[in-house]
Amino acid sequence: MRKSNRAVAGAAAWEMLREGTKPGKPSVFARAGAIPRMVGKRLRGQYTELPASRLVMFLVAIAYIVSPIDLVPELFVPILGFADDIGVVVWLTSSLLGETERYLEWERRSTPYVQGKVVD
C-alpha cells in the first residue's frame, strides 16, 4: 500500500471513529459487537449486502496480520516490515467500521420489534 493510500485510509478510519461519538451514529463498541452477528448472518445467507469476496478479504487480512510470514519481513527492513502490517490494519479497521455501520442500519430496518423488544 502506497504511503498516500495509507494516509487516506488512516484519515477515513479516524473519521469513522470520530463519527461514532456523534448522536445517531453507532459507537465503536456497538460496531465491534456487531461483527460476529454480521458474519453469522452472512454465512447463513440472511445478510446478503456483504459480498462473499469482501468477507474473504477480511479473513485474508486477519490471517496476514497474525501470520509470522510477511511480504516485507521486519527482520530485514524493520520500518517497511511494520508499515505493511499497519497498512493492512488500517484498511481492515476502516472497512470493518463501514461494513458494521451498514449492517447495523440493515439490522435496525429488518428486525421486528414487539413492545420495544427484539423478536428473533
Protein backbone atom coordinates (compact mmCIF):
# COMPACT_ATOMS: atom_id res chain seq x y z
CA MET A 1 0.00 0.00 0.00
CA ARG A 2 1.48 3.33 -1.04
CA LYS A 3 2.11 5.99 1.58
CA SER A 4 -0.63 8.29 0.22
CA ASN A 5 -3.14 5.41 0.26
CA ARG A 6 -2.26 4.61 3.87
CA ALA A 7 -2.76 8.25 4.82
CA VAL A 8 -6.18 8.31 3.15
CA ALA A 9 -7.16 5.02 4.80
CA GLY A 10 -5.96 6.29 8.17
CA ALA A 11 -7.91 9.53 7.78
CA ALA A 12 -11.03 7.56 6.86
CA ALA A 13 -10.62 5.29 9.90
CA TRP A 14 -10.11 8.28 12.17
CA GLU A 15 -13.21 9.97 10.74
CA MET A 16 -15.30 6.84 11.37
CA LEU A 17 -14.03 6.62 14.94
CA ARG A 18 -14.84 10.28 15.45
CA GLU A 19 -18.31 9.92 13.91
CA GLY A 20 -19.09 7.07 16.30
CA THR A 21 -19.36 9.63 19.09
CA LYS A 22 -21.91 11.75 17.20
CA PRO A 23 -25.60 11.40 18.07
CA GLY A 24 -27.39 8.94 15.80
CA LYS A 25 -24.20 7.06 14.85
CA PRO A 26 -23.34 3.66 16.33
CA SER A 27 -20.44 3.64 18.76
CA VAL A 28 -17.23 1.80 18.04
CA PHE A 29 -18.23 -0.74 20.70
CA ALA A 30 -21.62 -1.31 19.04
CA ARG A 31 -19.87 -1.80 15.70
CA ALA A 32 -17.34 -4.24 17.20
CA GLY A 33 -20.16 -6.20 18.85
CA ALA A 34 -21.98 -6.39 15.52
CA ILE A 35 -19.12 -8.19 13.73
CA PRO A 36 -19.98 -11.73 14.95
CA ARG A 37 -23.69 -11.20 14.18
CA MET A 38 -22.89 -9.78 10.74
CA VAL A 39 -20.60 -12.68 9.83
CA GLY A 40 -23.05 -15.24 11.22
CA LYS A 41 -25.99 -13.82 9.28
CA ARG A 42 -23.86 -13.58 6.14
CA LEU A 43 -22.83 -17.23 6.43
CA ARG A 44 -26.47 -18.25 6.96
CA GLY A 45 -27.50 -16.24 3.90
CA GLN A 46 -29.67 -13.77 5.82
CA TYR A 47 -27.45 -10.73 5.25
CA THR A 48 -26.58 -10.59 1.57
CA GLU A 49 -25.34 -6.99 1.44
CA LEU A 50 -21.83 -8.15 2.40
CA PRO A 51 -20.27 -9.77 -0.67
CA ALA A 52 -18.53 -13.09 -0.08
CA SER A 53 -15.40 -11.67 -1.71
CA ARG A 54 -15.25 -8.87 0.86
CA LEU A 55 -15.68 -11.33 3.72
CA VAL A 56 -12.81 -13.39 2.27
CA MET A 57 -10.69 -10.20 2.07
CA PHE A 58 -11.36 -9.56 5.77
CA LEU A 59 -10.26 -13.10 6.64
CA VAL A 60 -7.14 -12.83 4.48
CA ALA A 61 -6.24 -9.50 6.13
CA ILE A 62 -6.67 -11.01 9.61
CA ALA A 63 -4.54 -14.01 8.63
CA TYR A 64 -1.86 -11.69 7.21
CA ILE A 65 -1.77 -9.63 10.41
CA VAL A 66 -1.43 -12.60 12.75
CA SER A 67 0.79 -14.64 10.44
CA PRO A 68 4.52 -14.68 11.10
CA ILE A 69 5.05 -14.64 7.31
CA ASP A 70 5.11 -11.13 5.77
CA LEU A 71 5.72 -9.76 2.31
CA VAL A 72 8.36 -7.48 3.83
CA PRO A 73 9.96 -9.15 6.87
CA GLU A 74 10.61 -6.96 9.92
CA LEU A 75 13.96 -8.67 10.38
CA PHE A 76 15.48 -7.34 7.13
CA VAL A 77 13.73 -3.99 6.68
CA PRO A 78 12.20 -3.04 10.05
CA ILE A 79 10.38 0.16 9.06
CA LEU A 80 8.86 -1.26 5.87
CA GLY A 81 8.08 -4.51 7.64
CA PHE A 82 5.88 -2.73 10.16
CA ALA A 83 4.45 -0.33 7.58
CA ASP A 84 2.83 -3.08 5.53
CA ASP A 85 1.24 -4.55 8.66
CA ILE A 86 -0.01 -1.12 9.70
CA GLY A 87 -1.45 -0.52 6.24
CA VAL A 88 -3.40 -3.79 6.41
CA VAL A 89 -4.63 -2.98 9.93
CA VAL A 90 -5.81 0.48 8.84
CA TRP A 91 -7.61 -0.94 5.79
CA LEU A 92 -9.22 -3.72 7.85
CA THR A 93 -10.33 -1.34 10.61
CA SER A 94 -11.83 1.26 8.29
CA SER A 95 -13.52 -1.40 6.16
CA LEU A 96 -15.00 -3.19 9.16
CA LEU A 97 -16.23 0.08 10.66
CA GLY A 98 -18.01 0.93 7.42
CA GLU A 99 -19.47 -2.55 6.93
CA THR A 100 -20.71 -2.80 10.50
CA GLU A 101 -22.39 0.60 10.25
CA ARG A 102 -24.24 -0.63 7.14
CA TYR A 103 -25.05 -3.90 8.90
CA LEU A 104 -26.43 -2.13 11.98
CA GLU A 105 -28.64 0.01 9.74
CA TRP A 106 -29.84 -3.13 7.92
CA GLU A 107 -30.44 -4.85 11.25
CA ARG A 108 -32.43 -1.87 12.53
CA ARG A 109 -34.60 -1.84 9.39
CA SER A 110 -35.18 -5.60 9.27
CA THR A 111 -35.51 -6.62 12.93
CA PRO A 112 -39.10 -6.82 14.15
CA TYR A 113 -39.85 -5.18 17.47
CA VAL A 114 -42.71 -6.01 19.81
CA GLN A 115 -43.24 -3.61 22.70
CA GLY A 116 -39.63 -2.37 22.46
CA LYS A 117 -38.07 -5.87 22.49
CA VAL A 118 -36.29 -7.62 19.63
CA VAL A 119 -38.15 -10.70 18.38
CA ASP A 120 -36.00 -13.49 16.90
